[in-house]
PDB file of all heavy atoms in Angstrom:
ATOM      1  N   VAL A   1      28.496 -16.582 -10.283  1.00  0.00           N
ATOM      2  CA  VAL A   1      29.484 -17.626 -10.545  1.00  0.00           C
ATOM      3  C   VAL A   1      29.179 -18.854  -9.676  1.00  0.00           C
ATOM      4  O   VAL A   1      29.232 -19.997 -10.150  1.00  0.00           O
ATOM      5  CB  VAL A   1      30.916 -17.104 -10.300  1.00  0.00           C
ATOM      6  CG1 VAL A   1      31.935 -18.242 -10.336  1.00  0.00           C
ATOM      7  CG2 VAL A   1      31.260 -16.037 -11.327  1.00  0.00           C
ATOM      8  N   GLN A   2      28.826 -18.621  -8.424  1.00  0.00           N
ATOM      9  CA  GLN A   2      28.466 -19.738  -7.538  1.00  0.00           C
ATOM     10  C   GLN A   2      27.239 -20.466  -8.061  1.00  0.00           C
ATOM     11  O   GLN A   2      27.197 -21.700  -8.071  1.00  0.00           O
ATOM     12  CB  GLN A   2      28.216 -19.224  -6.121  1.00  0.00           C
ATOM     13  CG  GLN A   2      29.464 -18.736  -5.433  1.00  0.00           C
ATOM     14  CD  GLN A   2      29.171 -17.970  -4.157  1.00  0.00           C
ATOM     15  OE1 GLN A   2      28.101 -17.405  -3.966  1.00  0.00           O
ATOM     16  NE2 GLN A   2      30.143 -17.944  -3.262  1.00  0.00           N
ATOM     17  N   TYR A   3      26.240 -19.720  -8.504  1.00  0.00           N
ATOM     18  CA  TYR A   3      25.027 -20.351  -9.026  1.00  0.00           C
ATOM     19  C   TYR A   3      25.337 -21.122 -10.308  1.00  0.00           C
ATOM     20  O   TYR A   3      24.823 -22.231 -10.511  1.00  0.00           O
ATOM     21  CB  TYR A   3      23.924 -19.313  -9.275  1.00  0.00           C
ATOM     22  CG  TYR A   3      22.644 -19.970  -9.717  1.00  0.00           C
ATOM     23  CD1 TYR A   3      21.797 -20.561  -8.785  1.00  0.00           C
ATOM     24  CD2 TYR A   3      22.307 -20.054 -11.066  1.00  0.00           C
ATOM     25  CE1 TYR A   3      20.640 -21.204  -9.188  1.00  0.00           C
ATOM     26  CE2 TYR A   3      21.159 -20.695 -11.470  1.00  0.00           C
ATOM     27  CZ  TYR A   3      20.316 -21.268 -10.529  1.00  0.00           C
ATOM     28  OH  TYR A   3      19.186 -21.920 -10.937  1.00  0.00           O
ATOM     29  N   ALA A   4      26.181 -20.572 -11.164  1.00  0.00           N
ATOM     30  CA  ALA A   4      26.558 -21.267 -12.395  1.00  0.00           C
ATOM     31  C   ALA A   4      27.197 -22.615 -12.059  1.00  0.00           C
ATOM     32  O   ALA A   4      26.891 -23.632 -12.702  1.00  0.00           O
ATOM     33  CB  ALA A   4      27.506 -20.410 -13.231  1.00  0.00           C
ATOM     34  N   GLY A   5      28.068 -22.630 -11.072  1.00  0.00           N
ATOM     35  CA  GLY A   5      28.704 -23.876 -10.670  1.00  0.00           C
ATOM     36  C   GLY A   5      27.709 -24.891 -10.139  1.00  0.00           C
ATOM     37  O   GLY A   5      27.796 -26.085 -10.438  1.00  0.00           O
ATOM     38  N   ALA A   6      26.738 -24.417  -9.371  1.00  0.00           N
ATOM     39  CA  ALA A   6      25.736 -25.321  -8.798  1.00  0.00           C
ATOM     40  C   ALA A   6      24.749 -25.815  -9.844  1.00  0.00           C
ATOM     41  O   ALA A   6      24.315 -26.968  -9.811  1.00  0.00           O
ATOM     42  CB  ALA A   6      24.989 -24.617  -7.667  1.00  0.00           C
ATOM     43  N   SER A   7      24.400 -24.958 -10.782  1.00  0.00           N
ATOM     44  CA  SER A   7      23.358 -25.303 -11.759  1.00  0.00           C
ATOM     45  C   SER A   7      23.917 -25.905 -13.044  1.00  0.00           C
ATOM     46  O   SER A   7      23.198 -26.561 -13.791  1.00  0.00           O
ATOM     47  CB  SER A   7      22.547 -24.060 -12.128  1.00  0.00           C
ATOM     48  OG  SER A   7      23.344 -23.146 -12.875  1.00  0.00           O
ATOM     49  N   GLY A   8      25.179 -25.628 -13.321  1.00  0.00           N
ATOM     50  CA  GLY A   8      25.766 -26.069 -14.582  1.00  0.00           C
ATOM     51  C   GLY A   8      25.456 -25.131 -15.739  1.00  0.00           C
ATOM     52  O   GLY A   8      25.780 -25.423 -16.885  1.00  0.00           O
ATOM     53  N   ASP A   9      24.841 -23.982 -15.458  1.00  0.00           N
ATOM     54  CA  ASP A   9      24.504 -23.008 -16.497  1.00  0.00           C
ATOM     55  C   ASP A   9      25.620 -21.970 -16.587  1.00  0.00           C
ATOM     56  O   ASP A   9      25.627 -20.991 -15.851  1.00  0.00           O
ATOM     57  CB  ASP A   9      23.169 -22.341 -16.185  1.00  0.00           C
ATOM     58  CG  ASP A   9      22.723 -21.335 -17.244  1.00  0.00           C
ATOM     59  OD1 ASP A   9      23.521 -21.020 -18.158  1.00  0.00           O
ATOM     60  OD2 ASP A   9      21.591 -20.850 -17.148  1.00  0.00           O
ATOM     61  N   PHE A  10      26.538 -22.200 -17.516  1.00  0.00           N
ATOM     62  CA  PHE A  10      27.683 -21.313 -17.677  1.00  0.00           C
ATOM     63  C   PHE A  10      27.533 -20.392 -18.879  1.00  0.00           C
ATOM     64  O   PHE A  10      28.522 -19.944 -19.460  1.00  0.00           O
ATOM     65  CB  PHE A  10      28.972 -22.128 -17.789  1.00  0.00           C
ATOM     66  CG  PHE A  10      29.315 -22.856 -16.520  1.00  0.00           C
ATOM     67  CD1 PHE A  10      29.013 -24.201 -16.376  1.00  0.00           C
ATOM     68  CD2 PHE A  10      29.911 -22.187 -15.466  1.00  0.00           C
ATOM     69  CE1 PHE A  10      29.313 -24.872 -15.195  1.00  0.00           C
ATOM     70  CE2 PHE A  10      30.218 -22.852 -14.287  1.00  0.00           C
ATOM     71  CZ  PHE A  10      29.913 -24.198 -14.147  1.00  0.00           C
ATOM     72  N   ASN A  11      26.300 -20.074 -19.253  1.00  0.00           N
ATOM     73  CA  ASN A  11      26.063 -19.158 -20.362  1.00  0.00           C
ATOM     74  C   ASN A  11      26.813 -17.856 -20.068  1.00  0.00           C
ATOM     75  O   ASN A  11      26.673 -17.282 -18.985  1.00  0.00           O
ATOM     76  CB  ASN A  11      24.558 -18.894 -20.501  1.00  0.00           C
ATOM     77  CG  ASN A  11      24.206 -18.101 -21.734  1.00  0.00           C
ATOM     78  OD1 ASN A  11      24.900 -17.164 -22.106  1.00  0.00           O
ATOM     79  ND2 ASN A  11      23.113 -18.462 -22.362  1.00  0.00           N
ATOM     80  N   PRO A  12      27.601 -17.361 -21.023  1.00  0.00           N
ATOM     81  CA  PRO A  12      28.411 -16.163 -20.757  1.00  0.00           C
ATOM     82  C   PRO A  12      27.613 -14.893 -20.481  1.00  0.00           C
ATOM     83  O   PRO A  12      28.175 -13.935 -19.944  1.00  0.00           O
ATOM     84  CB  PRO A  12      29.280 -16.012 -22.005  1.00  0.00           C
ATOM     85  CG  PRO A  12      28.712 -16.910 -23.031  1.00  0.00           C
ATOM     86  CD  PRO A  12      27.897 -17.947 -22.334  1.00  0.00           C
ATOM     87  N   ILE A  13      26.325 -14.852 -20.768  1.00  0.00           N
ATOM     88  CA  ILE A  13      25.540 -13.654 -20.424  1.00  0.00           C
ATOM     89  C   ILE A  13      25.444 -13.470 -18.917  1.00  0.00           C
ATOM     90  O   ILE A  13      25.094 -12.399 -18.441  1.00  0.00           O
ATOM     91  CB  ILE A  13      24.126 -13.659 -21.047  1.00  0.00           C
ATOM     92  CG1 ILE A  13      23.281 -14.817 -20.508  1.00  0.00           C
ATOM     93  CG2 ILE A  13      24.199 -13.669 -22.564  1.00  0.00           C
ATOM     94  CD1 ILE A  13      21.824 -14.794 -20.937  1.00  0.00           C
ATOM     95  N   HIS A  14      25.791 -14.525 -18.165  1.00  0.00           N
ATOM     96  CA  HIS A  14      25.718 -14.467 -16.706  1.00  0.00           C
ATOM     97  C   HIS A  14      27.046 -14.145 -16.040  1.00  0.00           C
ATOM     98  O   HIS A  14      27.106 -14.014 -14.822  1.00  0.00           O
ATOM     99  CB  HIS A  14      25.174 -15.786 -16.153  1.00  0.00           C
ATOM    100  CG  HIS A  14      23.840 -16.167 -16.703  1.00  0.00           C
ATOM    101  ND1 HIS A  14      22.735 -15.344 -16.618  1.00  0.00           N
ATOM    102  CD2 HIS A  14      23.436 -17.259 -17.376  1.00  0.00           C
ATOM    103  CE1 HIS A  14      21.710 -15.936 -17.204  1.00  0.00           C
ATOM    104  NE2 HIS A  14      22.104 -17.094 -17.671  1.00  0.00           N
ATOM    105  N   TRP A  15      28.135 -14.000 -16.829  1.00  0.00           N
ATOM    106  CA  TRP A  15      29.421 -13.713 -16.206  1.00  0.00           C
ATOM    107  C   TRP A  15      30.371 -12.876 -17.065  1.00  0.00           C
ATOM    108  O   TRP A  15      31.306 -12.293 -16.542  1.00  0.00           O
ATOM    109  CB  TRP A  15      30.133 -14.997 -15.781  1.00  0.00           C
ATOM    110  CG  TRP A  15      30.379 -15.962 -16.904  1.00  0.00           C
ATOM    111  CD1 TRP A  15      29.535 -16.961 -17.312  1.00  0.00           C
ATOM    112  CD2 TRP A  15      31.502 -16.023 -17.766  1.00  0.00           C
ATOM    113  NE1 TRP A  15      30.073 -17.637 -18.378  1.00  0.00           N
ATOM    114  CE2 TRP A  15      31.289 -17.093 -18.679  1.00  0.00           C
ATOM    115  CE3 TRP A  15      32.682 -15.288 -17.872  1.00  0.00           C
ATOM    116  CZ2 TRP A  15      32.197 -17.423 -19.669  1.00  0.00           C
ATOM    117  CZ3 TRP A  15      33.597 -15.622 -18.862  1.00  0.00           C
ATOM    118  CH2 TRP A  15      33.355 -16.690 -19.743  1.00  0.00           C
ATOM    119  N   ASN A  16      30.111 -12.761 -18.370  1.00  0.00           N
ATOM    120  CA  ASN A  16      31.020 -12.059 -19.263  1.00  0.00           C
ATOM    121  C   ASN A  16      30.361 -10.771 -19.771  1.00  0.00           C
ATOM    122  O   ASN A  16      29.484 -10.811 -20.634  1.00  0.00           O
ATOM    123  CB  ASN A  16      31.393 -12.978 -20.430  1.00  0.00           C
ATOM    124  CG  ASN A  16      32.411 -12.377 -21.360  1.00  0.00           C
ATOM    125  OD1 ASN A  16      32.342 -11.210 -21.716  1.00  0.00           O
ATOM    126  ND2 ASN A  16      33.368 -13.200 -21.786  1.00  0.00           N
ATOM    127  N   GLU A  17      30.784  -9.655 -19.227  1.00  0.00           N
ATOM    128  CA  GLU A  17      30.175  -8.363 -19.551  1.00  0.00           C
ATOM    129  C   GLU A  17      30.276  -8.040 -21.045  1.00  0.00           C
ATOM    130  O   GLU A  17      29.305  -7.590 -21.658  1.00  0.00           O
ATOM    131  CB  GLU A  17      30.846  -7.267 -18.722  1.00  0.00           C
ATOM    132  CG  GLU A  17      30.231  -5.907 -18.883  1.00  0.00           C
ATOM    133  CD  GLU A  17      30.848  -4.891 -17.942  1.00  0.00           C
ATOM    134  OE1 GLU A  17      31.310  -5.275 -16.845  1.00  0.00           O
ATOM    135  OE2 GLU A  17      30.855  -3.712 -18.300  1.00  0.00           O
ATOM    136  N   ARG A  18      31.440  -8.272 -21.622  1.00  0.00           N
ATOM    137  CA  ARG A  18      31.625  -7.983 -23.052  1.00  0.00           C
ATOM    138  C   ARG A  18      30.643  -8.794 -23.893  1.00  0.00           C
ATOM    139  O   ARG A  18      29.955  -8.258 -24.759  1.00  0.00           O
ATOM    140  CB  ARG A  18      33.072  -8.292 -23.479  1.00  0.00           C
ATOM    141  CG  ARG A  18      33.348  -8.009 -24.948  1.00  0.00           C
ATOM    142  CD  ARG A  18      34.757  -8.426 -25.377  1.00  0.00           C
ATOM    143  NE  ARG A  18      35.178  -9.742 -24.911  1.00  0.00           N
ATOM    144  CZ  ARG A  18      34.773 -10.909 -25.461  1.00  0.00           C
ATOM    145  NH1 ARG A  18      33.952 -10.909 -26.480  1.00  0.00           N
ATOM    146  NH2 ARG A  18      35.220 -12.048 -24.991  1.00  0.00           N
ATOM    147  N   PHE A  19      30.532 -10.075 -23.614  1.00  0.00           N
ATOM    148  CA  PHE A  19      29.624 -10.933 -24.375  1.00  0.00           C
ATOM    149  C   PHE A  19      28.171 -10.494 -24.182  1.00  0.00           C
ATOM    150  O   PHE A  19      27.403 -10.409 -25.154  1.00  0.00           O
ATOM    151  CB  PHE A  19      29.785 -12.402 -23.960  1.00  0.00           C
ATOM    152  CG  PHE A  19      28.919 -13.335 -24.751  1.00  0.00           C
ATOM    153  CD1 PHE A  19      29.349 -13.818 -25.974  1.00  0.00           C
ATOM    154  CD2 PHE A  19      27.667 -13.714 -24.284  1.00  0.00           C
ATOM    155  CE1 PHE A  19      28.540 -14.670 -26.719  1.00  0.00           C
ATOM    156  CE2 PHE A  19      26.859 -14.557 -25.022  1.00  0.00           C
ATOM    157  CZ  PHE A  19      27.289 -15.045 -26.247  1.00  0.00           C
ATOM    158  N   ALA A  20      27.781 -10.218 -22.937  1.00  0.00           N
ATOM    159  CA  ALA A  20      26.406  -9.801 -22.647  1.00  0.00           C
ATOM    160  C   ALA A  20      26.045  -8.555 -23.457  1.00  0.00           C
ATOM    161  O   ALA A  20      24.957  -8.481 -24.053  1.00  0.00           O
ATOM    162  CB  ALA A  20      26.231  -9.544 -21.156  1.00  0.00           C
ATOM    163  N   LYS A  21      26.942  -7.603 -23.512  1.00  0.00           N
ATOM    164  CA  LYS A  21      26.678  -6.369 -24.264  1.00  0.00           C
ATOM    165  C   LYS A  21      26.666  -6.628 -25.770  1.00  0.00           C
ATOM    166  O   LYS A  21      25.872  -6.020 -26.493  1.00  0.00           O
ATOM    167  CB  LYS A  21      27.698  -5.292 -23.884  1.00  0.00           C
ATOM    168  CG  LYS A  21      27.454  -4.767 -22.467  1.00  0.00           C
ATOM    169  CD  LYS A  21      28.430  -3.696 -22.077  1.00  0.00           C
ATOM    170  CE  LYS A  21      28.070  -3.182 -20.675  1.00  0.00           C
ATOM    171  NZ  LYS A  21      28.954  -2.109 -20.244  1.00  0.00           N
ATOM    172  N   GLU A  22      27.507  -7.537 -26.245  1.00  0.00           N
ATOM    173  CA  GLU A  22      27.523  -7.864 -27.677  1.00  0.00           C
ATOM    174  C   GLU A  22      26.199  -8.467 -28.151  1.00  0.00           C
ATOM    175  O   GLU A  22      25.827  -8.304 -29.302  1.00  0.00           O
ATOM    176  CB  GLU A  22      28.667  -8.833 -27.995  1.00  0.00           C
ATOM    177  CG  GLU A  22      30.024  -8.182 -28.035  1.00  0.00           C
ATOM    178  CD  GLU A  22      31.160  -9.186 -28.260  1.00  0.00           C
ATOM    179  OE1 GLU A  22      30.893 -10.402 -28.379  1.00  0.00           O
ATOM    180  OE2 GLU A  22      32.317  -8.738 -28.306  1.00  0.00           O
ATOM    181  N   VAL A  23      25.497  -9.160 -27.253  1.00  0.00           N
ATOM    182  CA  VAL A  23      24.217  -9.765 -27.642  1.00  0.00           C
ATOM    183  C   VAL A  23      23.030  -8.857 -27.294  1.00  0.00           C
ATOM    184  O   VAL A  23      21.879  -9.284 -27.361  1.00  0.00           O
ATOM    185  CB  VAL A  23      24.033 -11.181 -27.055  1.00  0.00           C
ATOM    186  CG1 VAL A  23      25.100 -12.128 -27.576  1.00  0.00           C
ATOM    187  CG2 VAL A  23      23.997 -11.172 -25.538  1.00  0.00           C
ATOM    188  N   GLY A  24      23.322  -7.612 -26.916  1.00  0.00           N
ATOM    189  CA  GLY A  24      22.261  -6.630 -26.727  1.00  0.00           C
ATOM    190  C   GLY A  24      21.765  -6.432 -25.314  1.00  0.00           C
ATOM    191  O   GLY A  24      20.801  -5.689 -25.093  1.00  0.00           O
ATOM    192  N   LEU A  25      22.398  -7.039 -24.350  1.00  0.00           N
ATOM    193  CA  LEU A  25      22.003  -6.839 -22.953  1.00  0.00           C
ATOM    194  C   LEU A  25      22.742  -5.628 -22.386  1.00  0.00           C
ATOM    195  O   LEU A  25      23.828  -5.290 -22.849  1.00  0.00           O
ATOM    196  CB  LEU A  25      22.322  -8.090 -22.130  1.00  0.00           C
ATOM    197  CG  LEU A  25      21.528  -9.333 -22.510  1.00  0.00           C
ATOM    198  CD1 LEU A  25      22.120 -10.568 -21.838  1.00  0.00           C
ATOM    199  CD2 LEU A  25      20.059  -9.162 -22.136  1.00  0.00           C
ATOM    200  N   PRO A  26      22.172  -4.988 -21.367  1.00  0.00           N
ATOM    201  CA  PRO A  26      22.844  -3.817 -20.793  1.00  0.00           C
ATOM    202  C   PRO A  26      24.100  -4.173 -19.997  1.00  0.00           C
ATOM    203  O   PRO A  26      24.979  -3.335 -19.813  1.00  0.00           O
ATOM    204  CB  PRO A  26      21.784  -3.203 -19.880  1.00  0.00           C
ATOM    205  CG  PRO A  26      20.831  -4.303 -19.595  1.00  0.00           C
ATOM    206  CD  PRO A  26      20.870  -5.236 -20.771  1.00  0.00           C
ATOM    207  N   ASP A  27      24.184  -5.412 -19.519  1.00  0.00           N
ATOM    208  CA  ASP A  27      25.303  -5.873 -18.704  1.00  0.00           C
ATOM    209  C   ASP A  27      25.044  -7.352 -18.423  1.00  0.00           C
ATOM    210  O   ASP A  27      24.093  -7.942 -18.940  1.00  0.00           O
ATOM    211  CB  ASP A  27      25.375  -5.073 -17.392  1.00  0.00           C
ATOM    212  CG  ASP A  27      26.785  -4.996 -16.815  1.00  0.00           C
ATOM    213  OD1 ASP A  27      27.571  -5.938 -17.020  1.00  0.00           O
ATOM    214  OD2 ASP A  27      27.093  -3.992 -16.148  1.00  0.00           O
ATOM    215  N   VAL A  28      25.843  -7.935 -17.573  1.00  0.00           N
ATOM    216  CA  VAL A  28      25.625  -9.312 -17.127  1.00  0.00           C
ATOM    217  C   VAL A  28      24.271  -9.379 -16.427  1.00  0.00           C
ATOM    218  O   VAL A  28      23.880  -8.446 -15.713  1.00  0.00           O
ATOM    219  CB  VAL A  28      26.773  -9.722 -16.167  1.00  0.00           C
ATOM    220  CG1 VAL A  28      26.443 -10.977 -15.400  1.00  0.00           C
ATOM    221  CG2 VAL A  28      28.064  -9.882 -16.939  1.00  0.00           C
ATOM    222  N   ILE A  29      23.555 -10.482 -16.641  1.00  0.00           N
ATOM    223  CA  ILE A  29      22.245 -10.636 -15.993  1.00  0.00           C
ATOM    224  C   ILE A  29      22.218 -11.917 -15.155  1.00  0.00           C
ATOM    225  O   ILE A  29      22.940 -12.874 -15.438  1.00  0.00           O
ATOM    226  CB  ILE A  29      21.084 -10.662 -17.013  1.00  0.00           C
ATOM    227  CG1 ILE A  29      21.197 -11.863 -17.957  1.00  0.00           C
ATOM    228  CG2 ILE A  29      21.020  -9.343 -17.776  1.00  0.00           C
ATOM    229  CD1 ILE A  29      19.958 -12.087 -18.826  1.00  0.00           C
ATOM    230  N   ALA A  30      21.375 -11.901 -14.141  1.00  0.00           N
ATOM    231  CA  ALA A  30      21.196 -13.077 -13.285  1.00  0.00           C
ATOM    232  C   ALA A  30      20.453 -14.166 -14.055  1.00  0.00           C
ATOM    233  O   ALA A  30      19.653 -13.881 -14.951  1.00  0.00           O
ATOM    234  CB  ALA A  30      20.419 -12.702 -12.024  1.00  0.00           C
ATOM    235  N   HIS A  31      20.716 -15.394 -13.698  1.00  0.00           N
ATOM    236  CA  HIS A  31      20.007 -16.534 -14.262  1.00  0.00           C
ATOM    237  C   HIS A  31      18.520 -16.420 -13.910  1.00  0.00           C
ATOM    238  O   HIS A  31      18.166 -16.071 -12.777  1.00  0.00           O
ATOM    239  CB  HIS A  31      20.521 -17.843 -13.657  1.00  0.00           C
ATOM    240  CG  HIS A  31      21.983 -18.076 -13.819  1.00  0.00           C
ATOM    241  ND1 HIS A  31      22.942 -17.374 -13.116  1.00  0.00           N
ATOM    242  CD2 HIS A  31      22.649 -18.945 -14.597  1.00  0.00           C
ATOM    243  CE1 HIS A  31      24.139 -17.812 -13.458  1.00  0.00           C
ATOM    244  NE2 HIS A  31      23.989 -18.768 -14.363  1.00  0.00           N
ATOM    245  N   GLY A  32      17.663 -16.758 -14.846  1.00  0.00           N
ATOM    246  CA  GLY A  32      16.228 -16.723 -14.583  1.00  0.00           C
ATOM    247  C   GLY A  32      15.825 -17.651 -13.454  1.00  0.00           C
ATOM    248  O   GLY A  32      15.025 -17.287 -12.584  1.00  0.00           O
ATOM    249  N   MET A  33      16.380 -18.853 -13.436  1.00  0.00           N
ATOM    250  CA  MET A  33      16.027 -19.803 -12.375  1.00  0.00           C
ATOM    251  C   MET A  33      16.530 -19.330 -11.015  1.00  0.00           C
ATOM    252  O   MET A  33      15.896 -19.584  -9.992  1.00  0.00           O
ATOM    253  CB  MET A  33      16.584 -21.199 -12.685  1.00  0.00           C
ATOM    254  CG  MET A  33      15.989 -21.858 -13.921  1.00  0.00           C
ATOM    255  SD  MET A  33      14.212 -22.120 -13.774  1.00  0.00           S
ATOM    256  CE  MET A  33      13.646 -21.028 -15.064  1.00  0.00           C
ATOM    257  N   PHE A  34      17.642 -18.612 -11.005  1.00  0.00           N
ATOM    258  CA  PHE A  34      18.132 -18.034  -9.755  1.00  0.00           C
ATOM    259  C   PHE A  34      17.138 -17.004  -9.239  1.00  0.00           C
ATOM    260  O   PHE A  34      16.806 -16.977  -8.056  1.00  0.00           O
ATOM    261  CB  PHE A  34      19.517 -17.394  -9.961  1.00  0.00           C
ATOM    262  CG  PHE A  34      20.015 -16.652  -8.751  1.00  0.00           C
ATOM    263  CD1 PHE A  34      20.641 -17.333  -7.724  1.00  0.00           C
ATOM    264  CD2 PHE A  34      19.845 -15.283  -8.636  1.00  0.00           C
ATOM    265  CE1 PHE A  34      21.094 -16.658  -6.595  1.00  0.00           C
ATOM    266  CE2 PHE A  34      20.294 -14.597  -7.518  1.00  0.00           C
ATOM    267  CZ  PHE A  34      20.913 -15.292  -6.489  1.00  0.00           C
ATOM    268  N   THR A  35      16.663 -16.154 -10.145  1.00  0.00           N
ATOM    269  CA  THR A  35      15.694 -15.125  -9.770  1.00  0.00           C
ATOM    270  C   THR A  35      14.425 -15.768  -9.217  1.00  0.00           C
ATOM    271  O   THR A  35      13.898 -15.347  -8.185  1.00  0.00           O
ATOM    272  CB  THR A  35      15.382 -14.226 -10.979  1.00  0.00           C
ATOM    273  OG1 THR A  35      16.612 -13.666 -11.469  1.00  0.00           O
ATOM    274  CG2 THR A  35      14.426 -13.104 -10.611  1.00  0.00           C
ATOM    275  N   MET A  36      13.938 -16.801  -9.903  1.00  0.00           N
ATOM    276  CA  MET A  36      12.761 -17.532  -9.412  1.00  0.00           C
ATOM    277  C   MET A  36      13.001 -18.107  -8.017  1.00  0.00           C
ATOM    278  O   MET A  36      12.131 -18.037  -7.144  1.00  0.00           O
ATOM    279  CB  MET A  36      12.402 -18.680 -10.350  1.00  0.00           C
ATOM    280  CG  MET A  36      11.672 -18.309 -11.599  1.00  0.00           C
ATOM    281  SD  MET A  36      11.234 -19.784 -12.571  1.00  0.00           S
ATOM    282  CE  MET A  36       9.926 -20.505 -11.575  1.00  0.00           C
ATOM    283  N   ALA A  37      14.175 -18.692  -7.825  1.00  0.00           N
ATOM    284  CA  ALA A  37      14.497 -19.321  -6.543  1.00  0.00           C
ATOM    285  C   ALA A  37      14.533 -18.302  -5.408  1.00  0.00           C
ATOM    286  O   ALA A  37      14.060 -18.574  -4.300  1.00  0.00           O
ATOM    287  CB  ALA A  37      15.829 -20.059  -6.638  1.00  0.00           C
ATOM    288  N   GLN A  38      15.095 -17.138  -5.685  1.00  0.00           N
ATOM    289  CA  GLN A  38      15.127 -16.106  -4.652  1.00  0.00           C
ATOM    290  C   GLN A  38      13.711 -15.671  -4.280  1.00  0.00           C
ATOM    291  O   GLN A  38      13.388 -15.516  -3.107  1.00  0.00           O
ATOM    292  CB  GLN A  38      15.969 -14.911  -5.100  1.00  0.00           C
ATOM    293  CG  GLN A  38      17.429 -15.227  -5.320  1.00  0.00           C
ATOM    294  CD  GLN A  38      18.073 -15.886  -4.116  1.00  0.00           C
ATOM    295  OE1 GLN A  38      18.050 -15.366  -3.016  1.00  0.00           O
ATOM    296  NE2 GLN A  38      18.640 -17.057  -4.325  1.00  0.00           N
ATOM    297  N   ALA A  39      12.870 -15.477  -5.289  1.00  0.00           N
ATOM    298  CA  ALA A  39      11.506 -15.011  -5.031  1.00  0.00           C
ATOM    299  C   ALA A  39      10.713 -16.007  -4.190  1.00  0.00           C
ATOM    300  O   ALA A  39      10.024 -15.619  -3.241  1.00  0.00           O
ATOM    301  CB  ALA A  39      10.794 -14.733  -6.354  1.00  0.00           C
ATOM    302  N   ILE A  40      10.809 -17.288  -4.496  1.00  0.00           N
ATOM    303  CA  ILE A  40       9.995 -18.270  -3.769  1.00  0.00           C
ATOM    304  C   ILE A  40      10.456 -18.439  -2.324  1.00  0.00           C
ATOM    305  O   ILE A  40       9.710 -18.932  -1.475  1.00  0.00           O
ATOM    306  CB  ILE A  40       9.949 -19.627  -4.517  1.00  0.00           C
ATOM    307  CG1 ILE A  40       8.777 -20.495  -4.036  1.00  0.00           C
ATOM    308  CG2 ILE A  40      11.258 -20.373  -4.370  1.00  0.00           C
ATOM    309  CD1 ILE A  40       7.418 -19.953  -4.350  1.00  0.00           C
TER     310      ILE A  40
END
C-alpha cells in the first residue's frame, strides 16, 4: 500500500485478494518495480 501511494500504481492485484484471485493469481502480488528496487 505504501509503495502504491509512492508510485501511483494502484492496480488491485497489489492490494485486493479477491480481485487477484479472480484474474488467476494465487494471491496479492508485489509490484514488479518494487521487486526490482529491492534487488538493486
